[in-house]
C-alpha atoms as a PDB file:
ATOM      1  CA  MET A   1      51.568 -51.431 -67.295  1.00  0.00           C
ATOM      2  CA  MET A   2      54.707 -50.188 -69.716  1.00  0.00           C
ATOM      3  CA  ASP A   3      55.754 -46.899 -71.460  1.00  0.00           C
ATOM      4  CA  GLU A   4      58.190 -46.129 -73.739  1.00  0.00           C
ATOM      5  CA  THR A   5      59.088 -42.982 -75.753  1.00  0.00           C
ATOM      6  CA  THR A   6      61.997 -41.786 -78.021  1.00  0.00           C
ATOM      7  CA  ASN A   7      62.713 -37.873 -77.987  1.00  0.00           C
ATOM      8  CA  ILE A   8      63.979 -36.041 -81.456  1.00  0.00           C
ATOM      9  CA  THR A   9      67.578 -36.759 -80.140  1.00  0.00           C
ATOM     10  CA  SER A  10      66.816 -40.453 -80.158  1.00  0.00           C
ATOM     11  CA  ARG A  11      67.471 -40.448 -76.074  1.00  0.00           C
ATOM     12  CA  SER A  12      64.495 -43.742 -75.199  1.00  0.00           C
ATOM     13  CA  LEU A  13      63.190 -44.345 -72.031  1.00  0.00           C
ATOM     14  CA  CYS A  14      61.549 -47.087 -70.922  1.00  0.00           C
ATOM     15  CA  ASP A  15      58.704 -47.151 -67.394  1.00  0.00           C
ATOM     16  CA  VAL A  16      57.392 -50.130 -65.334  1.00  0.00           C
ATOM     17  CA  VAL A  17      54.530 -49.681 -63.585  1.00  0.00           C
ATOM     18  CA  VAL A  18      52.781 -51.789 -61.350  1.00  0.00           C
ATOM     19  CA  THR A  19      48.928 -51.300 -60.346  1.00  0.00           C
ATOM     20  CA  ASN A  20      46.711 -52.908 -58.220  1.00  0.00           C
ATOM     21  CA  LEU A  21      43.022 -52.131 -57.021  1.00  0.00           C
ATOM     22  CA  ASP A  22      44.821 -50.519 -53.847  1.00  0.00           C
ATOM     23  CA  PHE A  23      47.889 -48.642 -55.705  1.00  0.00           C
ATOM     24  CA  ARG A  24      49.822 -47.663 -58.482  1.00  0.00           C
ATOM     25  CA  LEU A  25      54.132 -48.073 -58.018  1.00  0.00           C
ATOM     26  CA  CYS A  26      56.649 -46.723 -60.811  1.00  0.00           C
ATOM     27  CA  LEU A  27      59.109 -49.481 -60.311  1.00  0.00           C
ATOM     28  CA  LYS A  28      61.789 -48.823 -62.681  1.00  0.00           C
ATOM     29  CA  VAL A  29      62.769 -45.402 -65.147  1.00  0.00           C
ATOM     30  CA  LYS A  30      65.300 -46.714 -67.678  1.00  0.00           C
ATOM     31  CA  GLU A  31      67.083 -45.350 -70.336  1.00  0.00           C
ATOM     32  CA  MET A  32      67.426 -47.844 -73.032  1.00  0.00           C
ATOM     33  CA  ASP A  33      69.878 -47.791 -76.237  1.00  0.00           C
ATOM     34  CA  ARG A  34      67.174 -49.753 -78.058  1.00  0.00           C
ATOM     35  CA  CYS A  35      63.296 -50.039 -77.132  1.00  0.00           C
ATOM     36  CA  ASN A  36      62.467 -53.387 -78.951  1.00  0.00           C
ATOM     37  CA  ALA A  37      60.462 -56.676 -77.596  1.00  0.00           C
ATOM     38  CA  SER A  38      63.061 -58.352 -76.634  1.00  0.00           C
ATOM     39  CA  SER A  39      64.836 -55.269 -74.439  1.00  0.00           C
ATOM     40  CA  LEU A  40      61.246 -54.502 -73.179  1.00  0.00           C
ATOM     41  CA  GLN A  41      60.762 -58.118 -72.251  1.00  0.00           C
ATOM     42  CA  LYS A  42      64.894 -57.895 -71.109  1.00  0.00           C
ATOM     43  CA  LEU A  43      63.760 -55.128 -68.829  1.00  0.00           C
ATOM     44  CA  LEU A  44      60.618 -56.050 -67.518  1.00  0.00           C
ATOM     45  CA  GLU A  45      61.881 -59.639 -66.582  1.00  0.00           C
ATOM     46  CA  GLU A  46      64.878 -58.099 -64.561  1.00  0.00           C
ATOM     47  CA  THR A  47      62.552 -55.464 -62.675  1.00  0.00           C
ATOM     48  CA  LEU A  48      60.184 -58.423 -61.544  1.00  0.00           C
ATOM     49  CA  LEU A  49      62.942 -60.236 -60.369  1.00  0.00           C
ATOM     50  CA  GLU A  50      64.591 -57.143 -58.256  1.00  0.00           C
ATOM     51  CA  TYR A  51      60.954 -56.703 -56.793  1.00  0.00           C
ATOM     52  CA  GLU A  52      60.341 -60.335 -56.136  1.00  0.00           C
ATOM     53  CA  ILE A  53      57.175 -60.239 -58.366  1.00  0.00           C
ATOM     54  CA  ASP A  54      55.843 -64.024 -59.839  1.00  0.00           C
ATOM     55  CA  TRP A  55      54.670 -64.148 -63.276  1.00  0.00           C
ATOM     56  CA  GLN A  56      51.604 -65.710 -61.939  1.00  0.00           C
ATOM     57  CA  GLN A  57      50.688 -63.080 -60.278  1.00  0.00           C
ATOM     58  CA  ILE A  58      50.279 -60.662 -63.209  1.00  0.00           C
ATOM     59  CA  THR A  59      47.080 -61.200 -64.979  1.00  0.00           C
ATOM     60  CA  ASN A  60      47.415 -57.943 -66.984  1.00  0.00           C
ATOM     61  CA  PHE A  61      50.087 -56.197 -69.153  1.00  0.00           C
ATOM     62  CA  VAL A  62      48.867 -52.815 -70.599  1.00  0.00           C
ATOM     63  CA  THR A  63      50.838 -50.288 -73.068  1.00  0.00           C
ATOM     64  CA  ASP A  64      49.907 -48.376 -75.698  1.00  0.00           C
ATOM     65  CA  GLY A  65      50.029 -49.182 -78.954  1.00  0.00           C
ATOM     66  CA  ALA A  66      53.912 -48.385 -80.445  1.00  0.00           C
ATOM     67  CA  ARG A  67      54.690 -51.759 -81.952  1.00  0.00           C
ATOM     68  CA  ALA A  68      57.526 -53.249 -79.628  1.00  0.00           C
ATOM     69  CA  CYS A  69      54.338 -52.732 -77.099  1.00  0.00           C
ATOM     70  CA  VAL A  70      52.302 -54.720 -79.246  1.00  0.00           C
ATOM     71  CA  SER A  71      54.873 -57.580 -79.770  1.00  0.00           C
ATOM     72  CA  LEU A  72      55.795 -57.468 -76.170  1.00  0.00           C
ATOM     73  CA  GLY A  73      52.280 -58.262 -75.504  1.00  0.00           C
ATOM     74  CA  ARG A  74      51.961 -60.811 -77.641  1.00  0.00           C
ATOM     75  CA  ARG A  75      54.778 -62.499 -76.539  1.00  0.00           C
ATOM     76  CA  LEU A  76      53.706 -62.336 -72.556  1.00  0.00           C
ATOM     77  CA  ASN A  77      50.437 -63.493 -73.662  1.00  0.00           C
ATOM     78  CA  GLU A  78      51.996 -66.326 -75.281  1.00  0.00           C
ATOM     79  CA  GLN A  79      54.929 -67.612 -73.257  1.00  0.00           C
ATOM     80  CA  TYR A  80      52.802 -66.584 -69.392  1.00  0.00           C
ATOM     81  CA  ALA A  81      49.198 -66.426 -70.710  1.00  0.00           C
ATOM     82  CA  ILE A  82      49.319 -62.890 -69.582  1.00  0.00           C
ATOM     83  CA  GLN A  83      46.454 -60.884 -70.987  1.00  0.00           C
ATOM     84  CA  HIS A  84      47.698 -57.945 -73.246  1.00  0.00           C
ATOM     85  CA  THR A  85      45.480 -54.834 -73.351  1.00  0.00           C
ATOM     86  CA  LEU A  86      46.285 -51.257 -75.169  1.00  0.00           C
ATOM     87  CA  CYS A  87      45.281 -48.213 -73.240  1.00  0.00           C
ATOM     88  CA  ALA A  88      42.560 -46.555 -74.198  1.00  0.00           C
ATOM     89  CA  THR A  89      43.924 -43.336 -73.956  1.00  0.00           C
ATOM     90  CA  HIS A  90      47.157 -43.802 -75.795  1.00  0.00           C
ATOM     91  CA  LEU A  91      44.688 -45.214 -78.377  1.00  0.00           C
ATOM     92  CA  LEU A  92      42.561 -41.986 -78.070  1.00  0.00           C
ATOM     93  CA  HIS A  93      45.632 -40.000 -78.845  1.00  0.00           C
ATOM     94  CA  LEU A  94      46.854 -42.203 -82.002  1.00  0.00           C
ATOM     95  CA  ILE A  95      43.399 -41.973 -83.822  1.00  0.00           C
ATOM     96  CA  SER A  96      43.675 -37.890 -82.992  1.00  0.00           C
ATOM     97  CA  GLN A  97      47.225 -37.984 -84.680  1.00  0.00           C
ATOM     98  CA  LYS A  98      45.977 -39.713 -87.665  1.00  0.00           C
ATOM     99  CA  LEU A  99      42.647 -37.035 -88.013  1.00  0.00           C
ATOM    100  CA  MET A 100      45.100 -34.214 -87.782  1.00  0.00           C
ATOM    101  CA  GLU A 101      47.061 -35.333 -90.097  1.00  0.00           C
ATOM    102  CA  SER A 102      44.184 -35.725 -92.105  1.00  0.00           C
ATOM    103  CA  PHE A 103      43.467 -32.439 -92.307  1.00  0.00           C
ATOM    104  CA  PRO A 104      47.368 -30.894 -93.074  1.00  0.00           C
ATOM    105  CA  ASN A 105      45.904 -27.267 -93.826  1.00  0.00           C
ATOM    106  CA  ILE A 106      44.492 -26.818 -90.877  1.00  0.00           C
ATOM    107  CA  ASN A 107      46.807 -28.560 -88.569  1.00  0.00           C
ATOM    108  CA  GLY A 108      49.330 -25.821 -90.351  1.00  0.00           C
ATOM    109  CA  LEU A 109      46.693 -23.265 -89.101  1.00  0.00           C
ATOM    110  CA  CYS A 110      46.991 -24.421 -85.781  1.00  0.00           C
ATOM    111  CA  LYS A 111      50.517 -24.250 -85.499  1.00  0.00           C
ATOM    112  CA  LEU A 112      50.619 -20.991 -87.292  1.00  0.00           C
ATOM    113  CA  VAL A 113      48.241 -19.545 -84.727  1.00  0.00           C
ATOM    114  CA  ARG A 114      50.142 -21.246 -81.919  1.00  0.00           C
ATOM    115  CA  VAL A 115      53.137 -19.369 -82.980  1.00  0.00           C
ATOM    116  CA  PHE A 116      51.306 -15.621 -84.226  1.00  0.00           C
ATOM    117  CA  PHE A 117      49.502 -15.212 -80.086  1.00  0.00           C
ATOM    118  CA  LYS A 118      52.436 -16.146 -78.375  1.00  0.00           C
ATOM    119  CA  ARG A 119      54.749 -13.438 -80.394  1.00  0.00           C
ATOM    120  CA  GLY A 120      52.222 -11.293 -79.985  1.00  0.00           C
ATOM    121  CA  ILE A 121      52.001 -12.013 -76.302  1.00  0.00           C
ATOM    122  CA  GLN A 122      55.646 -11.304 -75.843  1.00  0.00           C
ATOM    123  CA  ALA A 123      55.101  -8.119 -77.710  1.00  0.00           C
ATOM    124  CA  GLY A 124      52.101  -7.373 -75.885  1.00  0.00           C
ATOM    125  CA  HIS A 125      49.250  -7.222 -78.087  1.00  0.00           C
ATOM    126  CA  LYS A 126      46.659  -8.048 -76.446  1.00  0.00           C
ATOM    127  CA  LYS A 127      45.091  -4.844 -75.593  1.00  0.00           C
ATOM    128  CA  ARG A 128      44.966  -4.784 -79.850  1.00  0.00           C
ATOM    129  CA  TRP A 129      43.357  -8.481 -79.971  1.00  0.00           C
ATOM    130  CA  ARG A 130      40.330  -7.476 -77.249  1.00  0.00           C
ATOM    131  CA  SER A 131      39.618  -4.121 -79.117  1.00  0.00           C
ATOM    132  CA  GLN A 132      39.063  -7.211 -82.431  1.00  0.00           C
ATOM    133  CA  ASN A 133      37.421  -9.964 -80.268  1.00  0.00           C
ATOM    134  CA  ILE A 134      40.452 -12.414 -80.720  1.00  0.00           C
ATOM    135  CA  THR A 135      41.596 -12.849 -77.599  1.00  0.00           C
ATOM    136  CA  ASP A 136      39.896 -15.947 -77.020  1.00  0.00           C
ATOM    137  CA  ILE A 137      41.023 -18.233 -79.217  1.00  0.00           C
ATOM    138  CA  SER A 138      42.441 -21.382 -77.288  1.00  0.00           C
ATOM    139  CA  LEU A 139      45.822 -21.748 -78.617  1.00  0.00           C
ATOM    140  CA  PRO A 140      46.799 -25.774 -79.107  1.00  0.00           C
ATOM    141  CA  SER A 141      48.782 -27.810 -77.684  1.00  0.00           C
ATOM    142  CA  LYS A 142      51.204 -29.630 -79.778  1.00  0.00           C
ATOM    143  CA  THR A 143      50.288 -32.947 -78.811  1.00  0.00           C
ATOM    144  CA  ARG A 144      46.503 -32.681 -78.007  1.00  0.00           C
ATOM    145  CA  TRP A 145      43.068 -33.703 -79.875  1.00  0.00           C
ATOM    146  CA  GLY A 146      41.041 -31.543 -77.712  1.00  0.00           C
ATOM    147  CA  THR A 147      43.264 -27.922 -77.746  1.00  0.00           C
ATOM    148  CA  TRP A 148      43.760 -28.598 -81.399  1.00  0.00           C
ATOM    149  CA  LEU A 149      40.033 -28.954 -82.139  1.00  0.00           C
ATOM    150  CA  LYS A 150      39.282 -26.152 -79.578  1.00  0.00           C
ATOM    151  CA  CYS A 151      42.006 -23.661 -81.572  1.00  0.00           C
ATOM    152  CA  VAL A 152      40.495 -24.637 -85.018  1.00  0.00           C
ATOM    153  CA  SER A 153      36.259 -24.147 -83.583  1.00  0.00           C
ATOM    154  CA  ASP A 154      37.411 -20.875 -81.734  1.00  0.00           C
ATOM    155  CA  VAL A 155      40.000 -19.409 -85.097  1.00  0.00           C
ATOM    156  CA  PHE A 156      36.712 -20.455 -87.438  1.00  0.00           C
ATOM    157  CA  MET A 157      34.398 -18.626 -85.441  1.00  0.00           C
ATOM    158  CA  ARG A 158      36.321 -15.720 -84.839  1.00  0.00           C
ATOM    159  CA  ARG A 159      37.557 -15.856 -88.737  1.00  0.00           C
ATOM    160  CA  LYS A 160      36.327 -12.655 -90.005  1.00  0.00           C
ATOM    161  CA  ASN A 161      38.040 -10.595 -86.768  1.00  0.00           C
ATOM    162  CA  LEU A 162      40.985 -12.453 -87.437  1.00  0.00           C
ATOM    163  CA  LEU A 163      41.230 -11.762 -90.391  1.00  0.00           C
ATOM    164  CA  THR A 164      40.268  -7.872 -90.359  1.00  0.00           C
ATOM    165  CA  PHE A 165      42.995  -7.522 -87.795  1.00  0.00           C
ATOM    166  CA  ILE A 166      45.946  -9.425 -89.429  1.00  0.00           C
ATOM    167  CA  THR A 167      44.962  -7.327 -93.026  1.00  0.00           C
ATOM    168  CA  LYS A 168      44.949  -4.237 -91.195  1.00  0.00           C
ATOM    169  CA  GLU A 169      47.288  -4.339 -88.375  1.00  0.00           C
ATOM    170  CA  GLU A 170      50.025  -7.186 -89.294  1.00  0.00           C
ATOM    171  CA  THR A 171      52.940  -7.882 -91.954  1.00  0.00           C
ATOM    172  CA  SER A 172      54.652 -10.687 -90.240  1.00  0.00           C
ATOM    173  CA  GLU A 173      55.671 -13.903 -92.912  1.00  0.00           C
ATOM    174  CA  THR A 174      53.266 -15.961 -89.987  1.00  0.00           C
ATOM    175  CA  ALA A 175      50.463 -12.992 -90.305  1.00  0.00           C
ATOM    176  CA  ASN A 176      50.666 -14.017 -94.548  1.00  0.00           C
ATOM    177  CA  GLN A 177      50.492 -17.495 -94.119  1.00  0.00           C
ATOM    178  CA  MET A 178      47.447 -17.133 -91.524  1.00  0.00           C
ATOM    179  CA  ILE A 179      45.368 -14.975 -94.642  1.00  0.00           C
ATOM    180  CA  LYS A 180      46.820 -17.694 -97.130  1.00  0.00           C
ATOM    181  CA  CYS A 181      44.977 -20.964 -94.923  1.00  0.00           C
ATOM    182  CA  LEU A 182      42.145 -18.691 -94.111  1.00  0.00           C
ATOM    183  CA  THR A 183      41.202 -17.557 -97.423  1.00  0.00           C
ATOM    184  CA  ASN A 184      41.804 -21.171 -98.905  1.00  0.00           C
ATOM    185  CA  GLU A 185      44.555 -20.037-101.005  1.00  0.00           C
END
């Protein structure tokens, strides 16, 4: 298994994990200048050599759907007849990201809800929310489909309560943006 990630500062990390039916072992995590198929293959070859693992012992190569990983999977299949499999969790995550992008207004509303409630928690507004039945709204994680969907459901189930509370008691820019989203303006 191999995974790579690049953060917002363009710092790239890659890890190589070996598994069988009995164990999972992370062999290496390395910061890389570039994450392309060639650099990933070089890292994989170096790691296998370092741990004295023969290519014939590898039957499957699992990655996410990143272009570099898919290209490397194709190469390994051609060179060593290793089956390349895309990780189901990563695939579902990529699908959910595409789906969330299809609803920019709802996605924006979830972001506003997160900001609104985090600021309110810091300001100690939980009692006021409890009285309006809006404390149970789930805050979405930035990258998790399930929490996004839960937040959307909670917001729309408590839409009237949330709107009433915001229009009566809040004057922030975030609150004004939430009102626009909730009233389809």
